[in-house]
Protein backbone atom coordinates (compact mmCIF):
# COMPACT_ATOMS: atom_id res chain seq x y z
CA MET A 1 -203.31 62.44 124.28
CA ALA A 2 -204.50 62.02 120.66
CA LEU A 3 -202.19 62.07 117.87
CA ARG A 4 -202.21 64.50 114.75
CA ILE A 5 -200.53 64.57 111.42
CA THR A 6 -198.24 67.12 110.69
CA ASP A 7 -197.58 68.83 107.47
CA ILE A 8 -194.79 66.72 106.74
CA CYS A 9 -196.79 63.93 105.74
CA ILE A 10 -195.95 62.20 102.21
CA ASN A 11 -199.36 60.59 102.16
CA CYS A 12 -197.37 57.15 101.95
CA ASP A 13 -200.93 55.37 103.06
CA VAL A 14 -199.07 53.46 105.70
CA CYS A 15 -201.02 54.21 108.50
CA GLU A 16 -204.24 54.21 107.62
CA PRO A 17 -204.67 50.69 107.43
CA ALA A 18 -202.73 50.19 110.77
CA CYS A 19 -205.04 51.83 112.89
CA PRO A 20 -207.08 49.69 114.78
CA ASN A 21 -209.37 52.33 115.45
CA GLN A 22 -210.20 53.83 111.84
CA ALA A 23 -209.06 57.26 113.03
CA ILE A 24 -206.84 57.92 110.34
CA HIS A 25 -208.36 59.10 106.71
CA GLN A 26 -207.50 60.92 103.63
CA GLY A 27 -207.58 64.79 104.22
CA GLU A 28 -207.53 67.50 101.92
CA THR A 29 -203.73 67.72 101.39
CA ILE A 30 -202.42 65.17 104.25
CA TYR A 31 -203.92 62.01 106.38
CA GLU A 32 -206.04 63.36 109.33
CA ILE A 33 -206.31 61.85 112.78
CA ASP A 34 -210.08 61.84 114.20
CA PRO A 35 -209.28 62.49 117.76
CA ALA A 36 -212.75 61.79 118.90
CA ARG A 37 -211.38 57.88 117.41
CA CYS A 38 -207.60 58.11 118.37
CA THR A 39 -206.88 55.92 121.76
CA GLU A 40 -202.90 56.07 121.08
CA CYS A 41 -204.18 52.20 120.34
CA VAL A 42 -204.32 51.53 124.10
CA GLY A 43 -206.25 48.56 124.28
CA HIS A 44 -204.59 47.23 121.02
CA PHE A 45 -201.03 47.56 121.24
CA ASP A 46 -198.10 48.88 123.25
CA GLU A 47 -197.24 51.87 120.65
CA PRO A 48 -199.04 53.97 118.63
CA GLN A 49 -199.38 51.77 115.28
CA CYS A 50 -199.08 55.05 113.06
CA GLN A 51 -196.40 56.27 114.79
CA ALA A 52 -194.28 52.68 114.43
CA VAL A 53 -195.08 52.39 110.50
CA CYS A 54 -194.80 56.13 109.18
CA PRO A 55 -191.51 56.31 107.71
CA VAL A 56 -191.15 60.26 108.22
CA GLU A 57 -192.26 60.66 112.19
CA CYS A 58 -194.76 62.94 111.51
CA CYS A 59 -197.47 61.02 113.79
CA LEU A 60 -197.24 63.48 116.88
CA PRO A 61 -198.99 64.00 120.31
CA ASP A 62 -201.51 66.62 119.51
CA PRO A 63 -201.04 69.18 122.27
CA GLU A 64 -204.65 70.66 121.88
CA ARG A 65 -206.18 66.86 123.46
CA VAL A 66 -204.21 66.17 126.62
CA GLU A 67 -205.67 62.70 127.64
CA ASP A 68 -204.20 60.26 130.43
CA GLU A 69 -204.01 56.55 130.01
CA ALA A 70 -207.31 56.21 132.32
CA GLN A 71 -209.17 58.13 129.50
CA LEU A 72 -207.70 56.85 126.28
CA ARG A 73 -208.41 53.80 127.74
CA ALA A 74 -212.56 54.22 128.33
CA LYS A 75 -212.87 55.80 124.83
CA TYR A 76 -211.15 52.68 123.33
CA HIS A 77 -213.72 50.64 125.88
CA LEU A 78 -216.56 53.07 124.19
CA LEU A 79 -215.28 52.68 120.68
CA THR A 80 -214.77 48.58 120.94
CA GLY A 81 -218.00 48.13 123.11
CA THR A 82 -216.16 46.09 125.39
CA PRO A 83 -216.78 46.53 129.33
CA PRO A 84 -214.17 48.21 130.90
CA PRO A 85 -212.88 45.83 133.61
């Protein structure tokens, strides 16, 4: 499932450059994650990088965007232009 950033975000700026899919951007008040670009770092890393670097643990699964690993991997291939195995 795509991740989301909750309102406890402190705008520390560490998540945006850590995202390999460029899914994170500054919103009106806090950072936001574009669910169309979020793969939870599947295909890039073993864990979501925004979660790994967030000092307040505000990057959480988005219950409105449930995706399994196969769907996340397909999104990764679409975003990177790499053929699926």
